[in-house]
């Protein structure tokens, strides 16, 4: 299984390519939907990384992917412009919503 990244900036794309993760850079909602559908149909992709900014453009599709038992698994990654405090709050909120424990 491969990991694939959908990013909104070149820096994230290049950084992940350096560690062997292929990906694309897109900016619009239609582009995001097209790439997600292509990734869903590619049986080689097991994990789909997407930046939070792009995930916010298509929340219904992201929720459907997260709730389905099918591959690829979807993981939202922080944007490069996120402040450290915002990122920590995101992780805390995610843990609280996922397992119901306040950290």
Protein backbone atom coordinates (compact mmCIF):
# COMPACT_ATOMS: atom_id res chain seq x y z
CA UNK A 1 0.00 0.00 0.00
CA UNK A 2 1.12 3.51 -0.81
CA UNK A 3 0.61 6.88 0.83
CA UNK A 4 -0.63 9.76 -1.32
CA UNK A 5 -0.89 13.44 -0.36
CA UNK A 6 -3.27 16.15 -1.54
CA UNK A 7 -1.74 19.49 -0.61
CA UNK A 8 -2.48 23.14 -1.15
CA UNK A 9 1.18 24.20 -1.23
CA UNK A 10 4.36 23.13 -2.95
CA UNK A 11 6.45 23.07 0.25
CA UNK A 12 4.38 20.26 1.80
CA UNK A 13 4.40 18.36 -1.47
CA UNK A 14 8.18 18.60 -1.85
CA UNK A 15 8.81 17.70 1.80
CA UNK A 16 6.71 14.56 1.53
CA UNK A 17 8.28 13.61 -1.80
CA UNK A 18 11.66 13.66 -0.07
CA UNK A 19 10.46 10.85 2.20
CA UNK A 20 8.86 8.90 -0.64
CA UNK A 21 5.24 10.08 -0.54
CA UNK A 22 3.75 11.01 -3.91
CA UNK A 23 1.19 13.76 -4.13
CA UNK A 24 -0.36 16.64 -5.97
CA UNK A 25 -0.88 20.34 -5.33
CA UNK A 26 -4.42 21.60 -5.89
CA UNK A 27 -6.32 24.72 -4.92
CA UNK A 28 -9.97 24.45 -5.87
CA UNK A 29 -12.88 22.38 -4.60
CA UNK A 30 -13.44 20.65 -7.94
CA UNK A 31 -9.76 19.69 -8.15
CA UNK A 32 -9.88 18.23 -4.63
CA UNK A 33 -12.96 16.16 -5.45
CA UNK A 34 -11.38 14.88 -8.67
CA UNK A 35 -8.14 13.82 -6.93
CA UNK A 36 -10.02 12.17 -4.04
CA UNK A 37 -12.14 10.17 -6.48
CA UNK A 38 -9.03 9.11 -8.40
CA UNK A 39 -7.35 8.02 -5.15
CA UNK A 40 -10.44 6.07 -4.07
CA UNK A 41 -10.36 4.12 -7.33
CA UNK A 42 -6.62 3.38 -7.07
CA UNK A 43 -6.24 0.13 -5.11
CA UNK A 44 -2.53 0.84 -4.48
CA UNK A 45 -3.29 3.84 -2.23
CA UNK A 46 -3.87 2.82 1.38
CA UNK A 47 -3.48 6.18 3.13
CA UNK A 48 -4.58 9.54 1.80
CA UNK A 49 -3.09 12.63 3.44
CA UNK A 50 -4.88 15.94 2.92
CA UNK A 51 -4.10 19.37 4.32
CA UNK A 52 -6.73 20.83 6.64
CA UNK A 53 -7.35 23.78 4.35
CA UNK A 54 -8.38 21.46 1.52
CA UNK A 55 -10.32 19.15 3.82
CA UNK A 56 -12.45 22.13 4.86
CA UNK A 57 -13.47 22.60 1.21
CA UNK A 58 -15.09 19.14 1.06
CA UNK A 59 -16.13 18.19 4.62
CA UNK A 60 -18.91 15.80 3.53
CA UNK A 61 -16.56 13.73 1.37
CA UNK A 62 -13.92 13.67 4.11
CA UNK A 63 -16.48 12.52 6.69
CA UNK A 64 -17.74 9.78 4.36
CA UNK A 65 -14.19 8.53 3.83
CA UNK A 66 -13.41 8.57 7.55
CA UNK A 67 -16.59 6.68 8.43
CA UNK A 68 -16.32 4.05 5.71
CA UNK A 69 -14.45 0.83 6.25
CA UNK A 70 -12.91 1.07 2.79
CA UNK A 71 -9.45 2.18 1.80
CA UNK A 72 -7.90 4.66 1.59
CA UNK A 73 -7.73 5.82 5.18
CA UNK A 74 -7.84 9.60 5.28
CA UNK A 75 -5.63 11.70 7.54
CA UNK A 76 -5.79 15.47 7.81
CA UNK A 77 -2.40 17.11 8.22
CA UNK A 78 -1.72 20.66 9.46
CA UNK A 79 -1.09 23.43 6.99
CA UNK A 80 2.26 25.17 7.05
CA UNK A 81 0.57 28.39 8.18
CA UNK A 82 -1.00 26.94 11.33
CA UNK A 83 0.21 28.47 14.57
CA UNK A 84 1.59 26.04 17.13
CA UNK A 85 -1.20 26.79 19.63
CA UNK A 86 -3.88 26.13 17.02
CA UNK A 87 -2.26 22.80 16.18
CA UNK A 88 -2.17 21.73 19.84
CA UNK A 89 -5.83 22.69 20.24
CA UNK A 90 -6.70 20.65 17.16
CA UNK A 91 -5.03 17.53 18.56
CA UNK A 92 -6.67 17.99 21.97
CA UNK A 93 -10.10 18.47 20.39
CA UNK A 94 -9.57 15.42 18.14
CA UNK A 95 -8.70 13.18 21.12
CA UNK A 96 -11.66 14.53 23.11
CA UNK A 97 -14.10 13.88 20.25
CA UNK A 98 -12.64 10.49 19.38
CA UNK A 99 -12.50 8.83 22.78
CA UNK A 100 -14.45 11.17 25.01
CA UNK A 101 -11.60 11.97 27.39
CA UNK A 102 -10.64 15.53 28.22
CA UNK A 103 -6.88 15.94 28.04
